[in-house]
Amino acid sequence: MRVTITQRHCEIPDALRERARDLVTRLVKVARRPQTAQVIFSEDHGAAAVELRLHAGRGPLLVATSEGTDHRSALDRAAARLRRQIEKTRRGAPARRRAAARESA
């Protein structure tokens, strides 16, 4: 799987790059059929922002963004959001929707 780390209008230390790569590697283990992941660090008017994108085969493109005082805290928040999205897609449709579909058929 390919992991791309991009920085826009900011400088990212190597330790933070490694942390981002480790977080994405852990998230990929939970996702189904991951293909590519992107971590985009940016800074706009002094506010640090991180965007995580995960593309899984036969699934939606999952995107989580977060802003914070520094890139590390923004990265942690974005990773937590992406983990929730992954878990939501793994669970599938709620049982009530499946039951309603059976009744109408």
Protein backbone atom coordinates (compact mmCIF):
# COMPACT_ATOMS: atom_id res chain seq x y z
CA MET A 1 0.00 0.00 0.00
CA ARG A 2 1.24 3.48 -0.85
CA VAL A 3 1.41 6.19 1.82
CA THR A 4 2.02 9.75 0.62
CA ILE A 5 2.93 12.53 3.04
CA THR A 6 2.60 16.09 1.71
CA GLN A 7 3.34 19.44 3.33
CA ARG A 8 1.85 22.69 2.13
CA HIS A 9 3.17 26.04 3.27
CA CYS A 10 4.91 24.54 6.31
CA GLU A 11 7.91 22.49 7.41
CA ILE A 12 7.33 19.12 9.09
CA PRO A 13 10.04 17.48 11.23
CA ASP A 14 11.09 13.92 10.42
CA ALA A 15 9.77 12.66 13.76
CA LEU A 16 6.27 13.89 12.88
CA ARG A 17 6.51 12.25 9.46
CA GLU A 18 7.34 8.94 11.13
CA ARG A 19 4.46 9.36 13.57
CA ALA A 20 2.08 10.03 10.69
CA ARG A 21 3.33 6.95 8.85
CA ASP A 22 2.88 4.80 11.99
CA LEU A 23 -0.66 6.10 12.58
CA VAL A 24 -1.65 5.42 8.98
CA THR A 25 -0.12 1.94 9.15
CA ARG A 26 -2.23 1.15 12.22
CA LEU A 27 -5.39 2.52 10.57
CA VAL A 28 -4.75 0.47 7.45
CA LYS A 29 -4.75 -2.73 9.47
CA VAL A 30 -8.36 -2.01 10.46
CA ALA A 31 -9.60 -0.96 7.01
CA ARG A 32 -10.80 -3.40 4.38
CA ARG A 33 -8.69 -3.64 1.22
CA PRO A 34 -6.75 -0.36 1.54
CA GLN A 35 -5.01 0.88 -1.59
CA THR A 36 -3.63 4.37 -0.98
CA ALA A 37 -3.35 6.76 1.94
CA GLN A 38 -2.47 10.44 1.93
CA VAL A 39 -1.47 12.67 4.82
CA ILE A 40 -1.54 16.37 3.98
CA PHE A 41 -0.05 18.85 6.45
CA SER A 42 -0.89 22.50 5.86
CA GLU A 43 -0.74 25.80 7.66
CA ASP A 44 -3.06 28.72 7.01
CA HIS A 45 -2.66 31.99 8.90
CA GLY A 46 -0.84 30.25 11.73
CA ALA A 47 -3.41 27.45 12.19
CA ALA A 48 -2.04 23.95 11.69
CA ALA A 49 -4.26 21.58 9.73
CA VAL A 50 -4.04 17.90 8.78
CA GLU A 51 -6.07 15.98 6.23
CA LEU A 52 -6.05 12.18 6.06
CA ARG A 53 -7.39 10.40 2.97
CA LEU A 54 -7.78 6.64 2.75
CA HIS A 55 -8.94 4.91 -0.40
CA ALA A 56 -10.08 1.33 0.01
CA GLY A 57 -10.98 -0.91 -2.89
CA ARG A 58 -14.73 -1.18 -3.54
CA GLY A 59 -15.38 1.38 -0.88
CA PRO A 60 -15.74 5.10 -0.42
CA LEU A 61 -12.87 7.53 -0.18
CA LEU A 62 -12.60 8.29 3.54
CA VAL A 63 -11.47 11.83 4.39
CA ALA A 64 -10.82 13.26 7.84
CA THR A 65 -9.61 16.81 8.47
CA SER A 66 -8.66 18.55 11.66
CA GLU A 67 -7.15 21.82 12.79
CA GLY A 68 -5.20 22.53 15.93
CA THR A 69 -2.56 24.63 17.58
CA ASP A 70 0.15 22.29 16.30
CA HIS A 71 0.37 19.57 13.68
CA ARG A 72 0.74 16.73 16.18
CA SER A 73 -2.58 17.39 17.92
CA ALA A 74 -4.31 17.95 14.58
CA LEU A 75 -2.90 14.63 13.33
CA ASP A 76 -4.21 12.77 16.39
CA ARG A 77 -7.69 14.26 16.00
CA ALA A 78 -7.83 13.48 12.29
CA ALA A 79 -6.69 9.89 12.95
CA ALA A 80 -9.47 9.45 15.52
CA ARG A 81 -12.04 10.75 13.04
CA LEU A 82 -10.78 8.45 10.31
CA ARG A 83 -10.87 5.46 12.68
CA ARG A 84 -14.56 6.18 13.42
CA GLN A 85 -15.30 6.34 9.70
CA ILE A 86 -13.50 3.03 9.09
CA GLU A 87 -15.42 1.33 11.89
CA LYS A 88 -18.69 2.72 10.55
CA THR A 89 -18.04 1.33 7.06
CA ARG A 90 -16.98 -2.04 8.49
CA ARG A 91 -20.22 -2.45 10.45
CA GLY A 92 -22.31 -1.96 7.34
CA ALA A 93 -25.97 -1.01 7.26
CA PRO A 94 -27.86 -0.99 10.55
CA ALA A 95 -30.06 -4.01 11.27
CA ARG A 96 -33.28 -2.00 11.04
CA ARG A 97 -32.54 -1.12 7.42
CA ARG A 98 -31.88 -4.73 6.53
CA ALA A 99 -35.08 -5.84 8.28
CA ALA A 100 -37.13 -3.17 6.47
CA ALA A 101 -35.68 -4.28 3.13
CA ARG A 102 -36.70 -7.91 3.82
CA GLU A 103 -40.24 -6.90 4.77
CA SER A 104 -40.77 -4.84 1.64
CA ALA A 105 -39.49 -7.59 -0.67
